[in-house]
């Protein structure tokens, strides 16, 4: 499991030089960042897009720091994301109910908790919260398959 201290360190590093870290992320994860910047996320506000990018950048860097993670596989990601949406939509009606069941026995709890915490901002709509959370969960699972 990725350690909380690793995540916190990466938050500091990314926050101190966002532009350079984004360029590095885009260069190393072209396929995934192309997806994040694509059509599926056009309804998100700029703040929501920035939050989504920040979350995935911290996940990406945390995996690198702990020498974990495989190359991004777009096909595996799509299948994983479809399964995660199906599961998420059958877990309950409220955000809290859905998220609580996802956390049960989840092997990368710290990364997922970081993602959830970042999405508890009033400026993030319910739609964006779900979309970003499922995308982050799917990215984690794709990188750690």
Protein backbone atom coordinates (compact mmCIF):
# COMPACT_ATOMS: atom_id res chain seq x y z
CA UNK A 1 0.00 0.00 0.00
CA UNK A 2 1.18 3.52 -0.80
CA UNK A 3 2.04 5.26 2.46
CA UNK A 4 0.26 8.40 3.63
CA UNK A 5 3.66 10.08 4.11
CA UNK A 6 4.47 9.46 0.43
CA UNK A 7 1.19 11.04 -0.65
CA UNK A 8 1.72 14.04 1.62
CA UNK A 9 5.24 14.56 0.25
CA UNK A 10 3.94 14.42 -3.32
CA UNK A 11 1.21 16.95 -2.51
CA UNK A 12 3.96 19.32 -1.33
CA UNK A 13 6.12 18.72 -4.40
CA UNK A 14 3.26 19.10 -6.88
CA UNK A 15 1.91 22.20 -5.10
CA UNK A 16 5.30 23.89 -5.19
CA UNK A 17 5.70 23.56 -8.96
CA UNK A 18 2.42 22.61 -10.59
CA UNK A 19 3.26 23.54 -14.19
CA UNK A 20 6.49 21.55 -14.37
CA UNK A 21 4.86 18.53 -12.76
CA UNK A 22 1.91 18.66 -15.15
CA UNK A 23 4.26 18.74 -18.14
CA UNK A 24 6.12 15.72 -16.76
CA UNK A 25 2.84 13.87 -16.13
CA UNK A 26 1.56 14.62 -19.65
CA UNK A 27 4.86 13.49 -21.19
CA UNK A 28 4.92 10.20 -19.26
CA UNK A 29 1.20 9.39 -19.38
CA UNK A 30 0.19 10.68 -22.83
CA UNK A 31 -2.66 8.24 -23.34
CA UNK A 32 -4.20 8.79 -19.92
CA UNK A 33 -3.78 12.56 -19.84
CA UNK A 34 -5.28 12.73 -23.32
CA UNK A 35 -8.33 11.02 -21.86
CA UNK A 36 -8.44 13.40 -18.86
CA UNK A 37 -8.30 16.42 -21.14
CA UNK A 38 -10.84 14.98 -23.57
CA UNK A 39 -14.53 15.04 -24.29
CA UNK A 40 -15.68 13.00 -21.27
CA UNK A 41 -14.82 15.85 -18.92
CA UNK A 42 -16.07 18.85 -20.92
CA UNK A 43 -18.88 19.56 -18.42
CA UNK A 44 -16.46 20.08 -15.53
CA UNK A 45 -15.64 23.60 -14.41
CA UNK A 46 -12.05 24.82 -14.56
CA UNK A 47 -11.74 24.31 -10.79
CA UNK A 48 -13.03 20.76 -11.11
CA UNK A 49 -10.63 20.02 -13.97
CA UNK A 50 -7.71 21.41 -11.98
CA UNK A 51 -8.70 19.30 -8.97
CA UNK A 52 -8.97 16.20 -11.15
CA UNK A 53 -5.56 16.81 -12.69
CA UNK A 54 -4.00 17.46 -9.27
CA UNK A 55 -5.44 14.22 -7.84
CA UNK A 56 -4.12 12.12 -10.71
CA UNK A 57 -0.76 13.86 -10.68
CA UNK A 58 -0.31 13.07 -6.96
CA UNK A 59 -1.39 9.45 -7.53
CA UNK A 60 1.04 9.14 -10.45
CA UNK A 61 3.98 10.62 -8.50
CA UNK A 62 3.17 8.56 -5.38
CA UNK A 63 3.29 5.35 -7.39
CA UNK A 64 6.63 6.35 -8.89
CA UNK A 65 8.10 7.27 -5.48
CA UNK A 66 7.24 3.85 -4.09
CA UNK A 67 8.36 2.18 -7.32
CA UNK A 68 4.95 0.75 -8.06
CA UNK A 69 2.74 0.89 -11.06
CA UNK A 70 2.73 -0.51 -14.52
CA UNK A 71 2.48 1.24 -17.84
CA UNK A 72 -0.96 2.69 -18.50
CA UNK A 73 -3.15 0.35 -20.56
CA UNK A 74 -6.12 2.23 -22.07
CA UNK A 75 -8.12 -0.93 -22.80
CA UNK A 76 -7.68 -2.26 -19.26
CA UNK A 77 -8.57 1.17 -17.88
CA UNK A 78 -11.81 1.32 -19.89
CA UNK A 79 -12.91 -2.12 -18.69
CA UNK A 80 -12.00 -1.24 -15.11
CA UNK A 81 -13.82 2.07 -15.27
CA UNK A 82 -16.95 0.40 -16.67
CA UNK A 83 -16.90 -2.16 -13.82
CA UNK A 84 -16.33 0.58 -11.24
CA UNK A 85 -19.28 2.61 -12.53
CA UNK A 86 -21.52 -0.44 -12.50
CA UNK A 87 -20.51 -1.29 -8.95
CA UNK A 88 -20.71 2.33 -7.76
CA UNK A 89 -24.21 2.81 -9.15
CA UNK A 90 -25.57 -0.26 -7.35
CA UNK A 91 -24.17 0.56 -3.89
CA UNK A 92 -26.79 3.00 -2.61
CA UNK A 93 -28.29 6.36 -3.27
CA UNK A 94 -26.08 8.70 -1.28
CA UNK A 95 -22.43 9.58 -1.95
CA UNK A 96 -21.40 8.47 1.56
CA UNK A 97 -23.10 5.06 1.18
CA UNK A 98 -21.48 4.45 -2.18
CA UNK A 99 -18.00 5.49 -1.07
CA UNK A 100 -18.13 3.58 2.21
CA UNK A 101 -18.75 0.28 0.42
CA UNK A 102 -15.93 0.94 -2.03
CA UNK A 103 -13.47 1.46 0.83
CA UNK A 104 -14.25 -1.94 2.38
CA UNK A 105 -11.10 -4.08 1.99
CA UNK A 106 -9.65 -1.75 -0.65
CA UNK A 107 -5.90 -2.42 -0.95
CA UNK A 108 -4.92 1.19 -1.75
CA UNK A 109 -7.01 2.89 0.88
CA UNK A 110 -4.64 5.87 1.34
CA UNK A 111 -4.69 6.84 -2.35
CA UNK A 112 -8.45 6.50 -2.48
CA UNK A 113 -8.88 8.47 0.76
CA UNK A 114 -6.69 11.23 -0.64
CA UNK A 115 -8.91 11.37 -3.74
CA UNK A 116 -12.08 11.48 -1.67
CA UNK A 117 -10.68 14.20 0.61
CA UNK A 118 -9.80 16.38 -2.37
CA UNK A 119 -13.37 16.08 -3.61
CA UNK A 120 -15.03 17.26 -0.40
CA UNK A 121 -14.78 20.88 -1.49
CA UNK A 122 -17.96 22.93 -1.93
CA UNK A 123 -16.80 24.04 -5.36
CA UNK A 124 -16.97 20.44 -6.66
CA UNK A 125 -20.41 19.44 -7.97
CA UNK A 126 -21.91 16.04 -7.16
CA UNK A 127 -21.54 14.96 -10.78
CA UNK A 128 -17.86 15.98 -10.87
CA UNK A 129 -17.21 14.33 -7.49
CA UNK A 130 -18.45 10.97 -8.76
CA UNK A 131 -16.77 11.27 -12.14
CA UNK A 132 -13.38 12.22 -10.71
CA UNK A 133 -13.56 9.62 -7.93
CA UNK A 134 -14.35 6.72 -10.29
CA UNK A 135 -11.68 7.91 -12.71
CA UNK A 136 -9.10 8.03 -9.90
CA UNK A 137 -10.10 4.59 -8.60
CA UNK A 138 -9.87 3.15 -12.11
CA UNK A 139 -6.48 4.79 -12.69
CA UNK A 140 -5.11 3.34 -9.44
CA UNK A 141 -6.34 -0.14 -10.36
CA UNK A 142 -4.99 0.13 -13.89
CA UNK A 143 -1.55 1.18 -12.70
CA UNK A 144 -1.43 -1.55 -10.02
CA UNK A 145 -2.96 -4.42 -12.00
